[in-house]
């Protein structure tokens, strides 16, 4: 090749293809100037790192205010994953199934409401089919042992079981109160994600309240 041909961009590309270490996709001019390539790569790395740090700081800043807020929809999704639930009571003489949970929070209230379809069975009979309706209201508390939000001071508001004449008798009340105490003590309505708790660092979770249609967890 003559000097003019060797100086052409096409010839430079041919030579680069023949050289060990050619990196496709990087402009020829950068391949020919290692210092400029290094500067460009460093600038890209710094930019990406800065964007990632900015994003992380923004996310953590939102989480590390004075409180954490959870919507009824978030709690509802958690309940949907954990129901129906089946319980045997009185040594297996009576079975109880709670299904189709529906959670609501009145905009001006300080307690949530939970409605369930209720199945009752006795002496081994099937309780998986709905035979009535059950509703409760409750405040919430945070339990560090489960990392979850549990019912606090729940109260039965309504029970409607056709087989019992549509009314709640003393046996049904005792059965539901037994389940309610066990559920409130052992099972969270909503479990906080580990990654969220990790972001809190040394901050501690304080009181839990229901305000303006949301659940508010105070941070100390």
N, C-alpha and C. Protein backbone atom coordinates (compact mmCIF):
# COMPACT_ATOMS: atom_id res chain seq x y z
N UNK A 1 0.85 -1.19 0.00
CA UNK A 1 0.00 0.00 0.00
C UNK A 1 0.88 1.24 0.00
N UNK A 2 0.37 2.32 -0.67
CA UNK A 2 1.10 3.57 -0.63
C UNK A 2 0.75 4.33 0.63
N UNK A 3 1.39 5.43 0.85
CA UNK A 3 1.21 6.20 2.08
C UNK A 3 -0.20 6.74 2.20
N UNK A 4 -0.79 7.16 1.07
CA UNK A 4 -2.15 7.71 1.12
C UNK A 4 -3.15 6.65 1.54
N UNK A 5 -2.96 5.43 0.99
CA UNK A 5 -3.88 4.34 1.33
C UNK A 5 -3.77 3.97 2.79
N UNK A 6 -2.56 3.89 3.32
CA UNK A 6 -2.35 3.52 4.73
C UNK A 6 -2.95 4.55 5.66
N UNK A 7 -3.05 5.80 5.22
CA UNK A 7 -3.57 6.86 6.08
C UNK A 7 -5.09 6.93 6.08
N UNK A 8 -5.72 6.17 5.19
CA UNK A 8 -7.17 6.25 5.09
C UNK A 8 -7.83 5.59 6.30
N UNK A 9 -9.07 6.03 6.69
CA UNK A 9 -9.80 5.43 7.83
C UNK A 9 -10.04 3.95 7.63
N UNK A 10 -10.31 3.54 6.38
CA UNK A 10 -10.57 2.12 6.13
C UNK A 10 -9.33 1.28 6.46
N UNK A 11 -8.16 1.77 6.06
CA UNK A 11 -6.93 1.03 6.33
C UNK A 11 -6.68 0.94 7.83
N UNK A 12 -6.99 2.01 8.56
CA UNK A 12 -6.82 1.99 10.01
C UNK A 12 -7.69 0.92 10.65
N UNK A 13 -8.91 0.79 10.17
CA UNK A 13 -9.82 -0.23 10.71
C UNK A 13 -9.31 -1.64 10.41
N UNK A 14 -8.76 -1.84 9.20
CA UNK A 14 -8.20 -3.15 8.85
C UNK A 14 -7.06 -3.49 9.78
N UNK A 15 -6.18 -2.53 10.00
CA UNK A 15 -5.04 -2.76 10.88
C UNK A 15 -5.50 -3.09 12.29
N UNK A 16 -6.53 -2.37 12.77
CA UNK A 16 -7.03 -2.62 14.13
C UNK A 16 -7.65 -3.99 14.26
N UNK A 17 -8.37 -4.44 13.26
CA UNK A 17 -8.93 -5.79 13.28
C UNK A 17 -7.84 -6.82 13.40
N UNK A 18 -6.66 -6.52 12.83
CA UNK A 18 -5.57 -7.48 12.84
C UNK A 18 -4.79 -7.43 14.15
N UNK A 19 -4.95 -6.33 14.90
CA UNK A 19 -4.22 -6.20 16.16
C UNK A 19 -4.92 -6.95 17.26
N UNK A 20 -4.17 -7.52 18.16
CA UNK A 20 -4.72 -8.19 19.33
C UNK A 20 -5.29 -7.13 20.28
N UNK A 21 -6.45 -7.41 20.83
CA UNK A 21 -7.03 -6.50 21.78
C UNK A 21 -8.00 -5.51 21.18
N UNK A 22 -8.35 -5.64 19.89
CA UNK A 22 -9.33 -4.73 19.30
C UNK A 22 -10.68 -4.91 19.96
N UNK A 23 -11.34 -3.81 20.27
CA UNK A 23 -12.64 -3.85 20.94
C UNK A 23 -13.70 -3.25 20.03
N UNK A 24 -14.52 -4.10 19.41
CA UNK A 24 -15.55 -3.58 18.49
C UNK A 24 -16.48 -2.63 19.22
N UNK A 25 -16.98 -1.63 18.53
CA UNK A 25 -17.94 -0.70 19.08
C UNK A 25 -17.30 0.57 19.60
N UNK A 26 -15.97 0.58 19.83
CA UNK A 26 -15.27 1.78 20.29
C UNK A 26 -14.68 2.48 19.07
N UNK A 27 -14.92 3.77 18.93
CA UNK A 27 -14.43 4.49 17.73
C UNK A 27 -12.94 4.27 17.51
N UNK A 28 -12.57 4.24 16.21
CA UNK A 28 -11.18 4.00 15.84
C UNK A 28 -10.25 5.02 16.47
N UNK A 29 -10.69 6.28 16.49
CA UNK A 29 -9.85 7.32 17.04
C UNK A 29 -9.50 7.05 18.50
N UNK A 30 -10.48 6.48 19.26
CA UNK A 30 -10.24 6.16 20.66
C UNK A 30 -9.31 4.96 20.78
N UNK A 31 -9.43 4.01 19.83
CA UNK A 31 -8.54 2.85 19.85
C UNK A 31 -7.09 3.30 19.63
N UNK A 32 -6.94 4.33 18.83
CA UNK A 32 -5.61 4.78 18.50
C UNK A 32 -5.02 5.67 19.59
N UNK A 33 -5.87 6.10 20.57
CA UNK A 33 -5.42 7.00 21.61
C UNK A 33 -5.79 6.39 22.97
N UNK A 34 -4.95 5.53 23.54
CA UNK A 34 -5.28 4.85 24.80
C UNK A 34 -5.59 5.83 25.91
N UNK A 35 -4.88 6.94 25.98
CA UNK A 35 -5.13 7.89 27.06
C UNK A 35 -6.52 8.47 26.97
N UNK A 36 -6.96 8.79 25.75
CA UNK A 36 -8.31 9.35 25.57
C UNK A 36 -9.36 8.28 25.90
N UNK A 37 -9.09 7.04 25.51
CA UNK A 37 -10.01 5.94 25.83
C UNK A 37 -10.16 5.79 27.33
N UNK A 38 -9.03 5.85 28.06
CA UNK A 38 -9.06 5.72 29.51
C UNK A 38 -9.85 6.85 30.14
N UNK A 39 -9.65 8.07 29.64
CA UNK A 39 -10.36 9.21 30.18
C UNK A 39 -11.87 9.07 29.95
N UNK A 40 -12.24 8.60 28.75
CA UNK A 40 -13.66 8.42 28.44
C UNK A 40 -14.28 7.36 29.33
N UNK A 41 -13.60 6.22 29.51
CA UNK A 41 -14.11 5.14 30.36
C UNK A 41 -14.28 5.61 31.79
N UNK A 42 -13.28 6.37 32.29
CA UNK A 42 -13.35 6.87 33.66
C UNK A 42 -14.54 7.81 33.83
N UNK A 43 -14.77 8.66 32.83
CA UNK A 43 -15.90 9.60 32.90
C UNK A 43 -17.22 8.86 32.94
N UNK A 44 -17.32 7.78 32.14
CA UNK A 44 -18.55 6.98 32.13
C UNK A 44 -18.79 6.34 33.48
N UNK A 45 -17.72 5.77 34.06
CA UNK A 45 -17.84 5.11 35.36
C UNK A 45 -18.27 6.10 36.44
N UNK A 46 -17.67 7.28 36.45
CA UNK A 46 -18.01 8.29 37.44
C UNK A 46 -19.47 8.73 37.29
N UNK A 47 -19.91 8.90 36.06
CA UNK A 47 -21.29 9.32 35.80
C UNK A 47 -22.28 8.28 36.30
N UNK A 48 -22.03 7.02 35.95
CA UNK A 48 -22.93 5.93 36.38
C UNK A 48 -22.96 5.83 37.89
N UNK A 49 -21.79 5.92 38.54
CA UNK A 49 -21.72 5.84 40.00
C UNK A 49 -22.49 6.98 40.65
N UNK A 50 -22.35 8.18 40.08
CA UNK A 50 -23.04 9.35 40.64
C UNK A 50 -24.55 9.20 40.53
N UNK A 51 -25.01 8.71 39.38
CA UNK A 51 -26.45 8.50 39.20
C UNK A 51 -26.98 7.45 40.17
N UNK A 52 -26.22 6.37 40.35
CA UNK A 52 -26.64 5.32 41.28
C UNK A 52 -26.70 5.84 42.70
N UNK A 53 -25.69 6.63 43.09
CA UNK A 53 -25.65 7.20 44.44
C UNK A 53 -26.81 8.16 44.64
N UNK A 54 -27.09 8.98 43.65
CA UNK A 54 -28.20 9.93 43.74
C UNK A 54 -29.51 9.20 43.90
N UNK A 55 -29.70 8.13 43.12
CA UNK A 55 -30.93 7.34 43.21
C UNK A 55 -31.07 6.70 44.57
N UNK A 56 -29.96 6.13 45.07
CA UNK A 56 -30.00 5.48 46.39
C UNK A 56 -30.30 6.48 47.49
N UNK A 57 -29.68 7.64 47.42
CA UNK A 57 -29.91 8.65 48.45
C UNK A 57 -31.35 9.12 48.43
N UNK A 58 -31.92 9.25 47.22
CA UNK A 58 -33.30 9.67 47.11
C UNK A 58 -34.24 8.66 47.74
N UNK A 59 -33.96 7.34 47.45
CA UNK A 59 -34.81 6.28 47.99
C UNK A 59 -34.70 6.21 49.50
N UNK A 60 -33.47 6.21 50.01
CA UNK A 60 -33.27 6.13 51.45
C UNK A 60 -33.85 7.35 52.14
N UNK A 61 -33.73 8.52 51.52
CA UNK A 61 -34.28 9.72 52.11
C UNK A 61 -35.78 9.64 52.28
N UNK A 62 -36.45 9.02 51.29
CA UNK A 62 -37.90 8.87 51.39
C UNK A 62 -38.27 7.92 52.51
N UNK A 63 -37.41 6.91 52.72
CA UNK A 63 -37.71 5.91 53.74
C UNK A 63 -37.33 6.40 55.13
N UNK A 64 -36.33 7.23 55.21
CA UNK A 64 -35.80 7.62 56.50
C UNK A 64 -36.30 8.98 56.94
N UNK A 65 -37.56 9.27 56.67
CA UNK A 65 -38.18 10.45 57.24
C UNK A 65 -38.59 10.14 58.67
N UNK A 66 -39.70 10.72 59.09
CA UNK A 66 -40.17 10.48 60.44
C UNK A 66 -41.08 9.26 60.54
N UNK A 67 -41.49 8.72 59.41
CA UNK A 67 -42.40 7.58 59.46
C UNK A 67 -42.36 6.78 58.17
N UNK A 68 -42.95 5.60 58.23
CA UNK A 68 -43.19 4.75 57.06
C UNK A 68 -44.70 4.68 56.87
N UNK A 69 -45.14 4.72 55.63
CA UNK A 69 -46.58 4.69 55.36
C UNK A 69 -46.92 3.52 54.44
N UNK A 70 -48.02 2.85 54.78
CA UNK A 70 -48.48 1.71 54.02
C UNK A 70 -49.94 1.90 53.66
N UNK A 71 -50.28 1.57 52.42
CA UNK A 71 -51.64 1.76 51.94
C UNK A 71 -52.48 0.51 52.20
N UNK A 72 -53.81 0.66 52.20
CA UNK A 72 -54.67 -0.53 52.33
C UNK A 72 -54.39 -1.58 51.26
N UNK A 73 -54.02 -1.15 50.05
CA UNK A 73 -53.73 -2.09 48.98
C UNK A 73 -52.52 -2.96 49.31
N UNK A 74 -51.50 -2.38 49.92
CA UNK A 74 -50.33 -3.17 50.31
C UNK A 74 -50.71 -4.24 51.33
N UNK A 75 -51.51 -3.86 52.32
CA UNK A 75 -51.95 -4.84 53.32
C UNK A 75 -52.86 -5.89 52.69
N UNK A 76 -53.70 -5.47 51.75
CA UNK A 76 -54.60 -6.41 51.09
C UNK A 76 -53.83 -7.46 50.31
N UNK A 77 -52.78 -7.06 49.61
CA UNK A 77 -51.97 -8.01 48.85
C UNK A 77 -51.34 -9.04 49.79
N UNK A 78 -50.90 -8.59 50.96
CA UNK A 78 -50.32 -9.52 51.94
C UNK A 78 -51.36 -10.52 52.43
N UNK A 79 -52.56 -10.05 52.72
CA UNK A 79 -53.64 -10.94 53.17
C UNK A 79 -54.01 -11.95 52.08
N UNK A 80 -54.06 -11.49 50.85
CA UNK A 80 -54.43 -12.38 49.74
C UNK A 80 -53.45 -13.55 49.62
N UNK A 81 -52.17 -13.29 49.95
CA UNK A 81 -51.17 -14.35 49.87
C UNK A 81 -51.28 -15.36 51.01
N UNK A 82 -51.92 -14.97 52.10
CA UNK A 82 -51.91 -15.81 53.30
C UNK A 82 -53.25 -16.45 53.67
N UNK A 83 -54.27 -16.18 52.91
CA UNK A 83 -55.57 -16.79 53.15
C UNK A 83 -56.01 -17.52 51.88
N UNK A 84 -56.86 -18.57 52.06
CA UNK A 84 -57.62 -18.97 53.26
C UNK A 84 -56.75 -19.67 54.31
N UNK A 85 -57.27 -19.67 55.54
CA UNK A 85 -56.62 -20.35 56.66
C UNK A 85 -57.62 -21.29 57.32
N UNK A 86 -57.12 -22.46 57.68
CA UNK A 86 -57.96 -23.49 58.30
C UNK A 86 -57.48 -23.76 59.72
N UNK A 87 -58.42 -23.85 60.65
CA UNK A 87 -58.08 -24.10 62.05
C UNK A 87 -58.99 -25.19 62.62
N UNK A 88 -58.41 -26.05 63.42
CA UNK A 88 -59.18 -27.04 64.18
C UNK A 88 -59.25 -26.58 65.62
N UNK A 89 -60.44 -26.54 66.18
CA UNK A 89 -60.66 -26.08 67.53
C UNK A 89 -61.34 -27.16 68.36
N UNK A 90 -61.25 -26.98 69.66
CA UNK A 90 -61.89 -27.91 70.60
C UNK A 90 -61.47 -29.35 70.34
N UNK A 91 -60.15 -29.52 70.17
CA UNK A 91 -59.64 -30.87 69.96
C UNK A 91 -60.06 -31.49 68.65
N UNK A 92 -60.37 -30.68 67.66
CA UNK A 92 -60.77 -31.19 66.35
C UNK A 92 -62.27 -31.38 66.21
N UNK A 93 -63.02 -31.10 67.26
CA UNK A 93 -64.47 -31.25 67.17
C UNK A 93 -65.09 -30.20 66.25
N UNK A 94 -64.46 -29.06 66.19
CA UNK A 94 -64.97 -27.96 65.36
C UNK A 94 -63.84 -27.46 64.47
N UNK A 95 -64.14 -27.22 63.20
CA UNK A 95 -63.15 -26.65 62.27
C UNK A 95 -63.64 -25.30 61.78
N UNK A 96 -62.69 -24.44 61.54
CA UNK A 96 -62.98 -23.07 61.15
C UNK A 96 -62.10 -22.70 59.96
N UNK A 97 -62.70 -22.16 58.92
CA UNK A 97 -61.94 -21.69 57.76
C UNK A 97 -62.31 -20.24 57.48
N UNK A 98 -61.30 -19.40 57.40
CA UNK A 98 -61.49 -18.00 57.05
C UNK A 98 -60.90 -17.76 55.67
N UNK A 99 -61.68 -17.12 54.80
CA UNK A 99 -61.27 -16.97 53.40
C UNK A 99 -61.71 -15.60 52.87
N UNK A 100 -61.18 -15.25 51.73
CA UNK A 100 -61.54 -14.01 51.02
C UNK A 100 -61.48 -12.78 51.93
N UNK A 101 -60.31 -12.48 52.52
CA UNK A 101 -60.21 -11.30 53.38
C UNK A 101 -60.37 -10.01 52.57
N UNK A 102 -61.03 -9.05 53.16
CA UNK A 102 -61.24 -7.74 52.51
C UNK A 102 -60.94 -6.65 53.55
N UNK A 103 -59.89 -5.91 53.30
CA UNK A 103 -59.44 -4.89 54.25
C UNK A 103 -59.81 -3.50 53.76
N UNK A 104 -60.37 -2.71 54.66
CA UNK A 104 -60.68 -1.32 54.36
C UNK A 104 -60.25 -0.44 55.53
N UNK A 105 -59.93 0.82 55.23
CA UNK A 105 -59.59 1.79 56.27
C UNK A 105 -60.41 3.05 55.99
N UNK A 106 -61.35 3.37 56.87
CA UNK A 106 -62.12 4.61 56.68
C UNK A 106 -61.19 5.82 56.67
N UNK A 107 -61.47 6.77 55.81
CA UNK A 107 -60.61 7.93 55.66
C UNK A 107 -60.47 8.71 56.96
N UNK A 108 -61.53 8.76 57.75
CA UNK A 108 -61.50 9.53 58.99
C UNK A 108 -61.42 8.63 60.22
N UNK A 109 -61.07 7.34 60.04
CA UNK A 109 -61.03 6.41 61.15
C UNK A 109 -59.63 6.14 61.66
N UNK A 110 -59.54 5.54 62.85
CA UNK A 110 -58.24 5.17 63.41
C UNK A 110 -58.12 3.66 63.64
N UNK A 111 -59.03 2.90 63.02
CA UNK A 111 -58.99 1.45 63.08
C UNK A 111 -59.32 0.91 61.69
N UNK A 112 -58.69 -0.20 61.33
CA UNK A 112 -59.01 -0.84 60.06
C UNK A 112 -60.19 -1.79 60.25
N UNK A 113 -60.78 -2.20 59.16
CA UNK A 113 -61.87 -3.18 59.18
C UNK A 113 -61.47 -4.35 58.31
N UNK A 114 -61.70 -5.56 58.82
CA UNK A 114 -61.43 -6.79 58.07
C UNK A 114 -62.71 -7.60 57.97
N UNK A 115 -63.08 -7.92 56.73
CA UNK A 115 -64.23 -8.79 56.48
C UNK A 115 -63.74 -10.12 55.92
N UNK A 116 -64.32 -11.21 56.40
CA UNK A 116 -63.98 -12.55 55.92
C UNK A 116 -65.25 -13.31 55.56
N UNK A 117 -65.11 -14.23 54.60
CA UNK A 117 -66.09 -15.29 54.45
C UNK A 117 -65.70 -16.38 55.43
N UNK A 118 -66.70 -16.98 56.05
CA UNK A 118 -66.48 -17.89 57.17
C UNK A 118 -67.05 -19.26 56.87
N UNK A 119 -66.26 -20.30 57.10
CA UNK A 119 -66.73 -21.67 56.96
C UNK A 119 -66.63 -22.38 58.30
N UNK A 120 -67.68 -23.06 58.70
CA UNK A 120 -67.71 -23.80 59.96
C UNK A 120 -68.00 -25.27 59.69
N UNK A 121 -67.33 -26.14 60.42
CA UNK A 121 -67.57 -27.57 60.31
C UNK A 121 -67.52 -28.21 61.68
N UNK A 122 -68.22 -29.32 61.84
CA UNK A 122 -68.23 -30.02 63.12
C UNK A 122 -68.08 -31.51 62.89
N UNK A 123 -67.32 -32.16 63.81
CA UNK A 123 -67.14 -33.62 63.77
C UNK A 123 -66.62 -34.09 62.42
N UNK A 124 -65.66 -33.35 61.87
CA UNK A 124 -65.02 -33.76 60.62
C UNK A 124 -65.71 -33.29 59.36
N UNK A 125 -66.80 -32.56 59.47
CA UNK A 125 -67.48 -32.07 58.27
C UNK A 125 -66.66 -30.97 57.61
N UNK A 126 -66.90 -30.77 56.31
CA UNK A 126 -66.10 -29.84 55.52
C UNK A 126 -66.40 -28.39 55.90
N UNK A 127 -65.35 -27.63 56.15
CA UNK A 127 -65.53 -26.21 56.48
C UNK A 127 -64.93 -25.31 55.41
N UNK A 128 -64.55 -25.89 54.27
CA UNK A 128 -63.88 -25.10 53.24
C UNK A 128 -64.84 -24.25 52.41
N UNK A 129 -66.14 -24.52 52.52
CA UNK A 129 -67.12 -23.73 51.79
C UNK A 129 -67.69 -22.67 52.70
N UNK A 130 -67.89 -21.49 52.15
CA UNK A 130 -68.39 -20.37 52.94
C UNK A 130 -69.82 -20.64 53.42
N UNK A 131 -70.03 -20.40 54.71
CA UNK A 131 -71.36 -20.55 55.27
C UNK A 131 -71.80 -19.29 56.00
N UNK A 132 -70.99 -18.23 55.87
CA UNK A 132 -71.38 -16.99 56.53
C UNK A 132 -70.33 -15.91 56.35
N UNK A 133 -70.47 -14.89 57.16
CA UNK A 133 -69.64 -13.69 57.05
C UNK A 133 -69.20 -13.26 58.43
N UNK A 134 -68.00 -12.71 58.52
CA UNK A 134 -67.42 -12.33 59.79
C UNK A 134 -66.65 -11.03 59.59
N UNK A 135 -66.84 -10.05 60.48
CA UNK A 135 -66.16 -8.76 60.35
C UNK A 135 -65.58 -8.34 61.70
N UNK A 136 -64.42 -7.69 61.65
CA UNK A 136 -63.79 -7.17 62.86
C UNK A 136 -63.16 -5.82 62.56
N UNK A 137 -62.92 -5.05 63.61
CA UNK A 137 -62.15 -3.83 63.50
C UNK A 137 -60.96 -3.93 64.46
N UNK A 138 -59.89 -3.21 64.13
CA UNK A 138 -58.70 -3.33 64.96
C UNK A 138 -57.73 -2.19 64.70
N UNK A 139 -56.93 -1.89 65.72
CA UNK A 139 -55.74 -1.07 65.54
C UNK A 139 -54.61 -2.00 65.14
N UNK A 140 -53.39 -1.45 65.00
CA UNK A 140 -52.24 -2.26 64.62
C UNK A 140 -51.06 -1.96 65.54
N UNK A 141 -50.17 -2.93 65.67
CA UNK A 141 -48.92 -2.77 66.42
C UNK A 141 -47.81 -3.45 65.63
N UNK A 142 -46.57 -2.99 65.85
CA UNK A 142 -45.42 -3.63 65.22
C UNK A 142 -44.80 -4.61 66.21
N UNK A 143 -44.53 -5.83 65.74
CA UNK A 143 -43.90 -6.86 66.56
C UNK A 143 -42.51 -7.16 66.01
N UNK A 144 -41.44 -6.82 66.75
CA UNK A 144 -40.08 -7.05 66.24
C UNK A 144 -39.78 -8.53 65.99
N UNK A 145 -40.43 -9.44 66.73
CA UNK A 145 -40.12 -10.86 66.57
C UNK A 145 -40.57 -11.40 65.22
N UNK A 146 -41.63 -10.85 64.66
CA UNK A 146 -42.10 -11.29 63.35
C UNK A 146 -41.81 -10.26 62.25
N UNK A 147 -41.33 -9.07 62.68
CA UNK A 147 -41.10 -7.97 61.74
C UNK A 147 -42.38 -7.62 60.99
N UNK A 148 -43.49 -7.71 61.70
CA UNK A 148 -44.76 -7.50 61.03
C UNK A 148 -45.72 -6.63 61.83
N UNK A 149 -46.78 -6.23 61.16
CA UNK A 149 -47.86 -5.45 61.77
C UNK A 149 -48.97 -6.41 62.17
N UNK A 150 -49.28 -6.44 63.46
CA UNK A 150 -50.28 -7.34 64.01
C UNK A 150 -51.53 -6.57 64.44
N UNK A 151 -52.65 -7.29 64.50
CA UNK A 151 -53.86 -6.70 65.05
C UNK A 151 -53.62 -6.30 66.51
N UNK A 152 -54.18 -5.16 66.89
CA UNK A 152 -54.06 -4.67 68.26
C UNK A 152 -55.47 -4.33 68.77
N UNK A 153 -55.88 -4.99 69.85
CA UNK A 153 -57.21 -4.80 70.44
C UNK A 153 -58.31 -5.00 69.39
N UNK A 154 -58.31 -6.15 68.72
CA UNK A 154 -59.36 -6.41 67.73
C UNK A 154 -60.73 -6.60 68.39
N UNK A 155 -61.75 -6.25 67.66
CA UNK A 155 -63.11 -6.35 68.17
C UNK A 155 -64.03 -6.93 67.10
N UNK A 156 -64.79 -7.96 67.46
CA UNK A 156 -65.75 -8.54 66.53
C UNK A 156 -66.91 -7.56 66.35
N UNK A 157 -67.18 -7.24 65.09
CA UNK A 157 -68.24 -6.29 64.79
C UNK A 157 -69.50 -6.97 64.27
N UNK A 158 -69.33 -8.07 63.54
CA UNK A 158 -70.49 -8.69 62.91
C UNK A 158 -70.20 -10.15 62.58
N UNK A 159 -71.16 -11.01 62.84
CA UNK A 159 -71.10 -12.41 62.42
C UNK A 159 -72.46 -12.78 61.87
N UNK A 160 -72.47 -13.33 60.69
CA UNK A 160 -73.73 -13.72 60.05
C UNK A 160 -73.54 -15.12 59.48
N UNK A 161 -74.07 -16.12 60.17
CA UNK A 161 -73.97 -17.51 59.73
C UNK A 161 -75.39 -18.08 59.61
N UNK A 162 -75.77 -18.41 58.38
CA UNK A 162 -77.14 -18.85 58.13
C UNK A 162 -77.51 -20.08 58.96
N UNK A 163 -76.57 -21.00 59.12
CA UNK A 163 -76.86 -22.24 59.87
C UNK A 163 -77.17 -21.97 61.33
N UNK A 164 -76.75 -20.79 61.82
CA UNK A 164 -77.01 -20.43 63.21
C UNK A 164 -78.15 -19.42 63.32
N UNK A 165 -78.94 -19.36 62.25
CA UNK A 165 -80.06 -18.43 62.26
C UNK A 165 -79.65 -17.00 61.99
N UNK A 166 -78.44 -16.83 61.49
CA UNK A 166 -77.97 -15.49 61.14
C UNK A 166 -77.44 -14.71 62.31
N UNK A 167 -77.47 -15.29 63.49
CA UNK A 167 -77.01 -14.56 64.68
C UNK A 167 -75.79 -15.26 65.27
N UNK A 168 -75.02 -14.54 66.09
CA UNK A 168 -73.85 -15.10 66.73
C UNK A 168 -74.22 -15.57 68.14
N UNK A 169 -74.16 -16.87 68.35
CA UNK A 169 -74.43 -17.38 69.69
C UNK A 169 -73.15 -17.39 70.51
N UNK A 170 -73.25 -17.81 71.77
CA UNK A 170 -72.09 -17.77 72.66
C UNK A 170 -70.98 -18.70 72.20
N UNK A 171 -71.33 -19.84 71.63
CA UNK A 171 -70.32 -20.79 71.16
C UNK A 171 -69.53 -20.21 69.99
N UNK A 172 -70.25 -19.59 69.05
CA UNK A 172 -69.58 -18.98 67.90
C UNK A 172 -68.69 -17.82 68.34
N UNK A 173 -69.17 -17.02 69.26
CA UNK A 173 -68.37 -15.91 69.76
C UNK A 173 -67.09 -16.41 70.42
N UNK A 174 -67.22 -17.45 71.24
CA UNK A 174 -66.04 -18.00 71.93
C UNK A 174 -65.04 -18.57 70.93
N UNK A 175 -65.55 -19.23 69.88
CA UNK A 175 -64.69 -19.80 68.86
C UNK A 175 -63.93 -18.71 68.11
N UNK A 176 -64.65 -17.66 67.72
CA UNK A 176 -64.01 -16.59 66.96
C UNK A 176 -63.05 -15.78 67.84
N UNK A 177 -63.41 -15.56 69.08
CA UNK A 177 -62.51 -14.84 69.98
C UNK A 177 -61.23 -15.63 70.22
N UNK A 178 -61.35 -16.95 70.30
CA UNK A 178 -60.16 -17.80 70.46
C UNK A 178 -59.25 -17.68 69.25
N UNK A 179 -59.84 -17.73 68.04
CA UNK A 179 -59.04 -17.58 66.83
C UNK A 179 -58.42 -16.18 66.77
N UNK A 180 -59.21 -15.18 67.12
CA UNK A 180 -58.76 -13.79 66.99
C UNK A 180 -57.56 -13.51 67.90
N UNK A 181 -57.61 -14.03 69.12
CA UNK A 181 -56.50 -13.82 70.05
C UNK A 181 -55.24 -14.51 69.54
N UNK A 182 -55.40 -15.71 68.99
CA UNK A 182 -54.25 -16.46 68.46
C UNK A 182 -53.67 -15.76 67.23
N UNK A 183 -54.52 -15.33 66.35
CA UNK A 183 -54.08 -14.68 65.12
C UNK A 183 -53.37 -13.36 65.43
N UNK A 184 -53.95 -12.55 66.32
CA UNK A 184 -53.36 -11.26 66.66
C UNK A 184 -52.00 -11.43 67.33
N UNK A 185 -51.85 -12.51 68.08
CA UNK A 185 -50.60 -12.74 68.80
C UNK A 185 -49.49 -13.28 67.90
N UNK A 186 -49.84 -14.17 66.97
CA UNK A 186 -48.83 -14.93 66.25
C UNK A 186 -48.64 -14.56 64.79
N UNK A 187 -49.65 -14.02 64.14
CA UNK A 187 -49.57 -13.83 62.69
C UNK A 187 -49.75 -12.37 62.30
N UNK A 188 -48.81 -11.80 61.56
CA UNK A 188 -48.93 -10.41 61.12
C UNK A 188 -49.90 -10.25 59.96
N UNK A 189 -50.59 -9.13 59.97
CA UNK A 189 -51.40 -8.76 58.81
C UNK A 189 -50.50 -8.40 57.65
N UNK A 190 -49.38 -7.77 57.98
CA UNK A 190 -48.42 -7.34 56.95
C UNK A 190 -47.02 -7.49 57.52
N UNK A 191 -46.13 -8.10 56.76
CA UNK A 191 -44.75 -8.28 57.19
C UNK A 191 -43.85 -7.32 56.42
N UNK A 192 -43.07 -6.52 57.16
CA UNK A 192 -42.18 -5.56 56.52
C UNK A 192 -41.05 -6.29 55.80
N UNK A 193 -40.72 -5.81 54.61
CA UNK A 193 -39.68 -6.42 53.80
C UNK A 193 -38.31 -6.23 54.46
N UNK A 194 -37.48 -7.28 54.42
CA UNK A 194 -36.16 -7.22 55.04
C UNK A 194 -35.30 -6.10 54.46
N UNK A 195 -35.40 -5.89 53.16
CA UNK A 195 -34.59 -4.84 52.54
C UNK A 195 -35.00 -3.46 53.06
N UNK A 196 -36.28 -3.29 53.35
CA UNK A 196 -36.75 -2.02 53.91
C UNK A 196 -36.19 -1.84 55.31
N UNK A 197 -36.25 -2.88 56.13
CA UNK A 197 -35.74 -2.79 57.50
C UNK A 197 -34.23 -2.55 57.51
N UNK A 198 -33.52 -3.16 56.55
CA UNK A 198 -32.07 -2.95 56.48
C UNK A 198 -31.73 -1.48 56.20
N UNK A 199 -32.56 -0.82 55.42
CA UNK A 199 -32.32 0.59 55.09
C UNK A 199 -32.48 1.50 56.30
N UNK A 200 -33.20 1.03 57.32
CA UNK A 200 -33.42 1.85 58.50
C UNK A 200 -32.16 1.99 59.34
N UNK A 201 -31.21 1.06 59.18
CA UNK A 201 -29.96 1.14 59.93
C UNK A 201 -30.21 1.08 61.42
N UNK A 202 -29.72 2.10 62.13
CA UNK A 202 -29.84 2.13 63.59
C UNK A 202 -31.18 2.69 64.07
N UNK A 203 -31.99 3.18 63.17
CA UNK A 203 -33.28 3.74 63.58
C UNK A 203 -34.22 2.63 64.03
N UNK A 204 -35.07 2.96 64.97
CA UNK A 204 -35.97 1.97 65.54
C UNK A 204 -37.42 2.32 65.22
N UNK A 205 -38.23 1.28 65.11
CA UNK A 205 -39.66 1.47 64.85
C UNK A 205 -40.37 1.74 66.17
N UNK A 206 -41.16 2.82 66.18
CA UNK A 206 -41.89 3.20 67.38
C UNK A 206 -43.34 2.79 67.31
N UNK A 207 -44.22 3.75 67.48
CA UNK A 207 -45.65 3.46 67.52
C UNK A 207 -46.23 3.31 66.12
N UNK A 208 -47.38 2.69 66.07
CA UNK A 208 -48.10 2.49 64.81
C UNK A 208 -49.49 3.10 64.94
N UNK A 209 -49.89 3.84 63.93
CA UNK A 209 -51.20 4.49 63.95
C UNK A 209 -51.88 4.34 62.60
N UNK A 210 -53.17 4.58 62.58
CA UNK A 210 -53.94 4.58 61.34
C UNK A 210 -54.48 5.99 61.17
N UNK A 211 -54.03 6.65 60.08
CA UNK A 211 -54.37 8.05 59.86
C UNK A 211 -54.66 8.30 58.38
N UNK A 212 -55.71 9.04 58.12
CA UNK A 212 -56.02 9.48 56.76
C UNK A 212 -56.05 8.33 55.76
N UNK A 213 -56.59 7.20 56.19
CA UNK A 213 -56.76 6.07 55.29
C UNK A 213 -55.52 5.24 55.07
N UNK A 214 -54.43 5.50 55.81
CA UNK A 214 -53.18 4.73 55.67
C UNK A 214 -52.68 4.27 57.03
N UNK A 215 -51.75 3.31 56.99
CA UNK A 215 -51.07 2.88 58.21
C UNK A 215 -49.76 3.63 58.32
N UNK A 216 -49.53 4.26 59.46
CA UNK A 216 -48.34 5.09 59.68
C UNK A 216 -47.51 4.47 60.79
N UNK A 217 -46.25 4.13 60.47
CA UNK A 217 -45.32 3.57 61.44
C UNK A 217 -44.29 4.64 61.77
N UNK A 218 -44.27 5.10 63.03
CA UNK A 218 -43.34 6.14 63.45
C UNK A 218 -41.93 5.57 63.63
N UNK A 219 -40.95 6.38 63.30
CA UNK A 219 -39.56 6.01 63.49
C UNK A 219 -38.96 6.84 64.61
N UNK A 220 -38.23 6.17 65.51
CA UNK A 220 -37.54 6.87 66.60
C UNK A 220 -36.14 7.28 66.16
